[in-house]
């Protein structure tokens, strides 16, 4: 299968997890294409000043690989500033929040995989 970038499914969400601003997802794979292994693989953009509100992952884990912009990630109780090339890994049961603190969109690849039942 090959999917050209201009035919990817696009989702635009507002105030995700009680955050603020717009969250744009261009799906690299759809949830159905992940064959039960995960629920999100997308190129994500968080609007200037936006925030993906704090939430806990239950039954899955998430990797965020930052491509551009400047952000602040709350990972459980620790706060980090992030930029292009940084990675945030959130395990099943952990809390995180992502804020755009730069002067442009914060862009990152997000991959959410289900926790294996025998783990």
Protein backbone atom coordinates (compact mmCIF):
# COMPACT_ATOMS: atom_id res chain seq x y z
CA UNK A 1 0.00 0.00 0.00
CA UNK A 2 1.11 3.53 -0.73
CA UNK A 3 -0.77 6.61 0.38
CA UNK A 4 0.20 10.00 -0.95
CA UNK A 5 0.39 12.77 1.63
CA UNK A 6 -2.42 14.75 0.01
CA UNK A 7 -4.97 11.92 0.44
CA UNK A 8 -4.46 11.21 4.16
CA UNK A 9 -7.44 11.38 6.50
CA UNK A 10 -7.44 14.68 8.39
CA UNK A 11 -9.01 15.33 11.79
CA UNK A 12 -9.25 18.76 13.42
CA UNK A 13 -10.16 18.85 17.11
CA UNK A 14 -10.72 21.83 19.39
CA UNK A 15 -9.80 21.97 23.10
CA UNK A 16 -8.62 18.32 23.18
CA UNK A 17 -8.85 16.80 26.69
CA UNK A 18 -10.12 20.16 28.02
CA UNK A 19 -7.07 21.89 26.60
CA UNK A 20 -7.14 24.93 24.34
CA UNK A 21 -6.76 25.77 20.68
CA UNK A 22 -6.84 23.57 17.61
CA UNK A 23 -5.23 20.16 17.22
CA UNK A 24 -4.78 19.03 13.61
CA UNK A 25 -4.04 15.36 12.82
CA UNK A 26 -3.01 14.08 9.40
CA UNK A 27 -3.30 10.31 9.80
CA UNK A 28 -0.32 8.33 8.49
CA UNK A 29 -2.33 5.16 9.15
CA UNK A 30 -5.97 4.95 10.22
CA UNK A 31 -6.93 3.06 13.36
CA UNK A 32 -8.38 0.29 11.17
CA UNK A 33 -5.09 -0.04 9.28
CA UNK A 34 -3.22 -0.58 12.56
CA UNK A 35 -4.88 -4.04 12.78
CA UNK A 36 -5.74 -3.86 16.48
CA UNK A 37 -2.20 -2.87 17.56
CA UNK A 38 -2.91 0.80 18.16
CA UNK A 39 -5.25 3.71 17.65
CA UNK A 40 -3.20 6.61 16.31
CA UNK A 41 -0.27 7.18 13.98
CA UNK A 42 -0.41 10.79 12.82
CA UNK A 43 1.44 13.95 11.91
CA UNK A 44 0.06 16.39 14.50
CA UNK A 45 0.01 20.17 14.70
CA UNK A 46 -0.95 22.12 17.81
CA UNK A 47 -1.94 25.72 17.20
CA UNK A 48 0.05 28.68 18.49
CA UNK A 49 -0.71 28.99 22.23
CA UNK A 50 -2.66 25.71 22.18
CA UNK A 51 -2.65 22.88 24.71
CA UNK A 52 -3.55 19.19 24.64
CA UNK A 53 -5.03 18.96 28.12
CA UNK A 54 -3.61 16.62 30.73
CA UNK A 55 -4.77 13.01 30.55
CA UNK A 56 -3.75 9.52 31.66
CA UNK A 57 -3.22 6.71 29.19
CA UNK A 58 -5.20 3.58 30.03
CA UNK A 59 -4.54 0.42 28.01
CA UNK A 60 -2.07 2.10 25.66
CA UNK A 61 1.17 4.07 25.48
CA UNK A 62 2.13 7.05 23.34
CA UNK A 63 5.30 8.24 21.64
CA UNK A 64 5.54 11.87 20.52
CA UNK A 65 8.47 12.75 18.27
CA UNK A 66 8.74 16.53 17.90
CA UNK A 67 9.44 17.89 14.41
CA UNK A 68 9.24 21.67 14.80
CA UNK A 69 8.21 24.45 17.14
CA UNK A 70 8.72 24.77 20.87
CA UNK A 71 6.62 23.07 23.52
CA UNK A 72 6.24 22.20 27.15
CA UNK A 73 5.46 18.62 28.14
CA UNK A 74 4.23 17.61 31.56
CA UNK A 75 5.22 13.96 32.04
CA UNK A 76 3.63 12.74 35.28
CA UNK A 77 4.99 15.38 37.69
CA UNK A 78 8.01 16.54 35.67
CA UNK A 79 7.85 19.45 33.21
CA UNK A 80 10.19 19.61 30.19
CA UNK A 81 10.64 22.05 27.33
CA UNK A 82 10.76 20.27 23.96
CA UNK A 83 11.91 21.15 20.46
CA UNK A 84 12.63 19.41 17.15
CA UNK A 85 14.33 16.04 17.67
CA UNK A 86 12.99 15.44 21.21
CA UNK A 87 10.85 12.42 22.09
CA UNK A 88 8.24 11.99 24.84
CA UNK A 89 7.26 8.41 25.78
CA UNK A 90 4.17 7.96 27.92
CA UNK A 91 3.63 4.47 29.35
CA UNK A 92 0.29 2.89 30.15
CA UNK A 93 -0.99 4.51 33.38
CA UNK A 94 1.07 7.69 33.04
CA UNK A 95 -0.17 11.28 32.78
CA UNK A 96 0.93 13.85 30.22
CA UNK A 97 0.04 17.24 28.78
CA UNK A 98 1.46 19.08 25.76
CA UNK A 99 1.55 22.88 25.42
CA UNK A 100 2.70 25.02 22.52
CA UNK A 101 4.90 27.75 24.02
CA UNK A 102 6.55 28.87 20.78
CA UNK A 103 5.61 31.43 18.16
CA UNK A 104 4.53 28.88 15.51
CA UNK A 105 2.62 25.61 15.34
CA UNK A 106 4.07 22.77 17.41
CA UNK A 107 4.41 19.78 15.08
CA UNK A 108 5.05 16.17 16.06
CA UNK A 109 4.46 12.58 15.07
CA UNK A 110 2.21 10.74 17.54
CA UNK A 111 2.04 6.95 17.77
CA UNK A 112 -0.38 5.33 20.24
CA UNK A 113 -0.04 1.57 20.64
CA UNK A 114 -2.20 -0.72 22.75
CA UNK A 115 -0.56 -2.40 25.74
CA UNK A 116 -0.31 -6.17 25.11
CA UNK A 117 -2.78 -8.11 27.26
CA UNK A 118 0.02 -10.31 28.66
CA UNK A 119 2.17 -7.34 29.73
